[in-house]
Amino acid sequence: MTADSTVPEADPTLFAAAEAWLADDPDASTRAELAAVLEAARSGMVVLAMRRRGCGR
């Protein structure tokens, strides 16, 4: 967990697994969805969205 204990730190193993899945996924739709999720996770947008929704209060 991070210092404020409300947002878990990124797990490099999880990102590596998601990237491997993305590389092997034959379905363009799910590839696009996973790519968007990975981008959001890397950019911090997921954390921002969770905080806006009051998570961790």
Protein backbone atom coordinates (compact mmCIF):
# COMPACT_ATOMS: atom_id res chain seq x y z
CA MET A 1 0.00 0.00 0.00
CA THR A 2 1.04 3.59 -0.45
CA ALA A 3 1.67 5.95 2.42
CA ASP A 4 -2.00 6.95 2.64
CA SER A 5 -2.98 3.23 2.68
CA THR A 6 -5.94 3.79 0.35
CA VAL A 7 -4.33 3.07 -3.02
CA PRO A 8 -2.40 -0.14 -3.64
CA GLU A 9 0.94 0.16 -5.37
CA ALA A 10 1.20 -1.10 -8.93
CA ASP A 11 2.26 -4.72 -9.16
CA PRO A 12 4.83 -5.11 -11.97
CA THR A 13 3.96 -8.81 -12.27
CA LEU A 14 0.33 -7.94 -12.93
CA PHE A 15 1.31 -5.42 -15.60
CA ALA A 16 3.63 -7.96 -17.25
CA ALA A 17 0.87 -10.57 -17.30
CA ALA A 18 -1.60 -8.09 -18.78
CA GLU A 19 0.90 -7.03 -21.45
CA ALA A 20 1.56 -10.67 -22.37
CA TRP A 21 -2.17 -11.32 -22.60
CA LEU A 22 -2.57 -8.20 -24.73
CA ALA A 23 0.17 -9.34 -27.12
CA ASP A 24 -1.45 -12.76 -27.60
CA ASP A 25 -5.12 -11.73 -27.67
CA PRO A 26 -6.60 -12.47 -31.12
CA ASP A 27 -9.77 -10.42 -30.44
CA ALA A 28 -9.43 -6.77 -31.47
CA SER A 29 -12.22 -5.69 -29.15
CA THR A 30 -10.76 -7.18 -25.98
CA ARG A 31 -7.25 -6.02 -27.01
CA ALA A 32 -8.54 -2.46 -27.23
CA GLU A 33 -10.33 -2.77 -23.89
CA LEU A 34 -7.27 -4.16 -22.12
CA ALA A 35 -5.00 -1.55 -23.73
CA ALA A 36 -7.29 1.18 -22.39
CA VAL A 37 -7.29 -0.34 -18.91
CA LEU A 38 -3.48 -0.57 -18.91
CA GLU A 39 -3.14 3.01 -20.09
CA ALA A 40 -5.53 4.23 -17.41
CA ALA A 41 -3.67 2.29 -14.75
CA ARG A 42 -0.30 3.67 -15.87
CA SER A 43 -1.55 7.24 -16.07
CA GLY A 44 -3.12 7.24 -12.62
CA MET A 45 -6.61 7.85 -14.02
CA VAL A 46 -7.94 4.79 -12.21
CA VAL A 47 -6.78 6.17 -8.88
CA LEU A 48 -8.25 9.56 -9.72
CA ALA A 49 -11.60 8.00 -10.65
CA MET A 50 -11.65 5.99 -7.42
CA ARG A 51 -10.89 9.06 -5.33
CA ARG A 52 -13.62 11.04 -7.11
CA ARG A 53 -16.05 8.30 -6.14
CA GLY A 54 -15.04 8.52 -2.50
CA CYS A 55 -13.05 5.31 -2.24
CA GLY A 56 -10.83 5.20 0.80
CA ARG A 57 -12.90 7.56 2.92
